[in-house]
């Protein structure tokens, strides 16, 4: 006995891929997840760069003097 018959496969397709609500959610997830990941990476890089610039500015104000 085959578990996935043709009728069952067609029913699964009808309930998922041909369902407009499911497709809207799937497309939204495919669109949003990479954007969220990229935004998180860019935010991390921005914070690192901001701290580095701040350190450089502080070093310019208080240069190390040789003893």
N, C-alpha and C. Protein backbone atom coordinates (compact mmCIF):
# COMPACT_ATOMS: atom_id res chain seq x y z
N UNK A 1 0.85 -1.18 0.00
CA UNK A 1 0.00 0.00 0.00
C UNK A 1 0.89 1.25 0.00
N UNK A 2 0.68 2.09 -0.94
CA UNK A 2 1.46 3.31 -1.07
C UNK A 2 0.86 4.39 -0.17
N UNK A 3 1.74 5.07 0.57
CA UNK A 3 1.27 6.09 1.52
C UNK A 3 0.79 7.33 0.77
N UNK A 4 1.59 7.82 -0.18
CA UNK A 4 1.21 9.01 -0.93
C UNK A 4 0.56 8.60 -2.26
N UNK A 5 -0.73 8.54 -2.24
CA UNK A 5 -1.43 8.23 -3.48
C UNK A 5 -1.58 9.51 -4.28
N UNK A 6 -2.00 9.38 -5.51
CA UNK A 6 -2.16 10.54 -6.37
C UNK A 6 -3.22 11.50 -5.82
N UNK A 7 -4.30 10.95 -5.28
CA UNK A 7 -5.36 11.79 -4.72
C UNK A 7 -4.86 12.56 -3.49
N UNK A 8 -4.09 11.89 -2.66
CA UNK A 8 -3.57 12.54 -1.47
C UNK A 8 -2.58 13.63 -1.85
N UNK A 9 -1.75 13.36 -2.83
CA UNK A 9 -0.80 14.36 -3.31
C UNK A 9 -1.52 15.57 -3.87
N UNK A 10 -2.56 15.36 -4.64
CA UNK A 10 -3.33 16.46 -5.20
C UNK A 10 -4.01 17.27 -4.10
N UNK A 11 -4.49 16.60 -3.08
CA UNK A 11 -5.15 17.29 -1.96
C UNK A 11 -4.14 18.15 -1.19
N UNK A 12 -2.95 17.62 -0.97
CA UNK A 12 -1.91 18.38 -0.28
C UNK A 12 -1.54 19.61 -1.10
N UNK A 13 -1.38 19.44 -2.41
CA UNK A 13 -1.08 20.57 -3.28
C UNK A 13 -2.19 21.62 -3.24
N UNK A 14 -3.42 21.16 -3.25
CA UNK A 14 -4.55 22.08 -3.24
C UNK A 14 -4.60 22.88 -1.94
N UNK A 15 -4.28 22.23 -0.83
CA UNK A 15 -4.37 22.89 0.47
C UNK A 15 -3.17 23.80 0.74
N UNK A 16 -2.05 23.58 0.06
CA UNK A 16 -0.87 24.37 0.36
C UNK A 16 -0.51 25.29 -0.79
N UNK A 17 0.08 24.76 -1.83
CA UNK A 17 0.65 25.59 -2.90
C UNK A 17 -0.41 26.39 -3.66
N UNK A 18 -1.58 25.88 -3.76
CA UNK A 18 -2.62 26.61 -4.49
C UNK A 18 -3.47 27.48 -3.58
N UNK A 19 -3.11 27.55 -2.32
CA UNK A 19 -3.83 28.36 -1.35
C UNK A 19 -3.21 29.76 -1.34
N UNK A 20 -3.99 30.79 -1.67
CA UNK A 20 -3.42 32.13 -1.75
C UNK A 20 -2.86 32.65 -0.42
N UNK A 21 -3.48 32.30 0.67
CA UNK A 21 -3.00 32.77 1.98
C UNK A 21 -1.65 32.13 2.28
N UNK A 22 -1.53 30.84 2.04
CA UNK A 22 -0.26 30.15 2.26
C UNK A 22 0.83 30.73 1.37
N UNK A 23 0.51 30.99 0.13
CA UNK A 23 1.50 31.53 -0.80
C UNK A 23 1.92 32.95 -0.39
N UNK A 24 0.98 33.75 0.08
CA UNK A 24 1.33 35.10 0.53
C UNK A 24 2.28 35.04 1.72
N UNK A 25 2.02 34.15 2.65
CA UNK A 25 2.90 34.00 3.81
C UNK A 25 4.26 33.47 3.38
N UNK A 26 4.28 32.49 2.49
CA UNK A 26 5.54 31.91 2.03
C UNK A 26 6.39 32.97 1.31
N UNK A 27 5.78 33.75 0.45
CA UNK A 27 6.51 34.79 -0.28
C UNK A 27 7.01 35.85 0.69
N UNK A 28 6.19 36.22 1.65
CA UNK A 28 6.60 37.22 2.65
C UNK A 28 7.79 36.72 3.46
N UNK A 29 7.78 35.45 3.84
CA UNK A 29 8.89 34.90 4.60
C UNK A 29 10.16 34.85 3.76
N UNK A 30 10.02 34.45 2.51
CA UNK A 30 11.19 34.40 1.62
C UNK A 30 11.74 35.80 1.42
N UNK A 31 10.89 36.80 1.43
CA UNK A 31 11.31 38.18 1.22
C UNK A 31 11.91 38.78 2.50
N UNK A 32 11.31 38.50 3.65
CA UNK A 32 11.69 39.18 4.89
C UNK A 32 12.87 38.56 5.63
N UNK A 33 13.00 37.26 5.64
CA UNK A 33 14.05 36.62 6.42
C UNK A 33 15.44 37.07 5.97
N UNK A 34 15.77 37.08 4.67
CA UNK A 34 17.09 37.58 4.29
C UNK A 34 17.29 39.05 4.65
N UNK A 35 16.24 39.84 4.54
CA UNK A 35 16.37 41.26 4.89
C UNK A 35 16.68 41.43 6.37
N UNK A 36 16.05 40.63 7.22
CA UNK A 36 16.32 40.72 8.66
C UNK A 36 17.74 40.30 8.98
N UNK A 37 18.22 39.25 8.31
CA UNK A 37 19.59 38.80 8.53
C UNK A 37 20.59 39.86 8.07
N UNK A 38 20.37 40.42 6.91
CA UNK A 38 21.28 41.45 6.39
C UNK A 38 21.25 42.67 7.30
N UNK A 39 20.08 43.05 7.76
CA UNK A 39 19.97 44.21 8.65
C UNK A 39 20.73 43.99 9.95
N UNK A 40 20.65 42.78 10.50
CA UNK A 40 21.36 42.47 11.73
C UNK A 40 22.87 42.54 11.52
N UNK A 41 23.36 42.00 10.42
CA UNK A 41 24.79 42.04 10.11
C UNK A 41 25.25 43.47 9.92
N UNK A 42 24.49 44.26 9.17
CA UNK A 42 24.85 45.65 8.92
C UNK A 42 24.85 46.45 10.22
N UNK A 43 23.91 46.19 11.10
CA UNK A 43 23.84 46.88 12.37
C UNK A 43 25.06 46.57 13.23
N UNK A 44 25.47 45.30 13.24
CA UNK A 44 26.65 44.90 14.00
C UNK A 44 27.90 45.60 13.47
N UNK A 45 28.04 45.62 12.15
CA UNK A 45 29.19 46.28 11.54
C UNK A 45 29.18 47.78 11.83
N UNK A 46 28.02 48.40 11.82
CA UNK A 46 27.90 49.82 12.12
C UNK A 46 28.35 50.11 13.55
N UNK A 47 27.91 49.28 14.48
CA UNK A 47 28.29 49.49 15.88
C UNK A 47 29.80 49.34 16.07
N UNK A 48 30.39 48.33 15.43
CA UNK A 48 31.85 48.14 15.53
C UNK A 48 32.58 49.36 14.96
N UNK A 49 32.13 49.82 13.80
CA UNK A 49 32.77 50.97 13.16
C UNK A 49 32.60 52.22 14.03
N UNK A 50 31.45 52.39 14.63
CA UNK A 50 31.18 53.55 15.49
C UNK A 50 32.11 53.55 16.70
N UNK A 51 32.30 52.40 17.32
CA UNK A 51 33.20 52.29 18.48
C UNK A 51 34.63 52.56 18.06
N UNK A 52 35.04 52.05 16.90
CA UNK A 52 36.41 52.27 16.42
C UNK A 52 36.66 53.76 16.15
N UNK A 53 35.71 54.43 15.56
CA UNK A 53 35.84 55.88 15.30
C UNK A 53 35.93 56.63 16.62
N UNK A 54 35.12 56.24 17.58
CA UNK A 54 35.14 56.88 18.89
C UNK A 54 36.51 56.70 19.56
N UNK A 55 37.06 55.48 19.48
CA UNK A 55 38.39 55.24 20.05
C UNK A 55 39.44 56.10 19.37
N UNK A 56 39.37 56.20 18.06
CA UNK A 56 40.33 57.03 17.32
C UNK A 56 40.22 58.49 17.72
N UNK A 57 39.02 58.99 17.88
CA UNK A 57 38.82 60.38 18.28
C UNK A 57 39.37 60.64 19.68
N UNK A 58 39.18 59.69 20.58
CA UNK A 58 39.70 59.84 21.94
C UNK A 58 41.23 59.83 21.91
N UNK A 59 41.82 58.97 21.10
CA UNK A 59 43.28 58.92 20.99
C UNK A 59 43.84 60.23 20.42
N UNK A 60 43.12 60.86 19.54
CA UNK A 60 43.56 62.15 19.00
C UNK A 60 43.53 63.23 20.08
N UNK A 61 42.55 63.17 20.96
CA UNK A 61 42.45 64.17 22.02
C UNK A 61 43.51 63.95 23.09
N UNK A 62 43.82 62.72 23.40
CA UNK A 62 44.77 62.38 24.45
C UNK A 62 45.88 61.50 23.86
N UNK A 63 46.80 62.10 23.13
CA UNK A 63 47.87 61.27 22.55
C UNK A 63 48.80 60.75 23.64
N UNK A 64 49.38 59.60 23.36
CA UNK A 64 50.34 59.02 24.30
C UNK A 64 51.66 59.78 24.18
N UNK A 65 52.18 60.16 25.34
CA UNK A 65 53.46 60.87 25.34
C UNK A 65 54.56 59.91 25.79
N UNK A 66 55.69 59.90 25.11
CA UNK A 66 56.78 59.00 25.53
C UNK A 66 57.40 59.49 26.83
N UNK A 67 57.78 58.57 27.68
CA UNK A 67 58.35 58.92 28.99
C UNK A 67 59.84 58.89 28.96
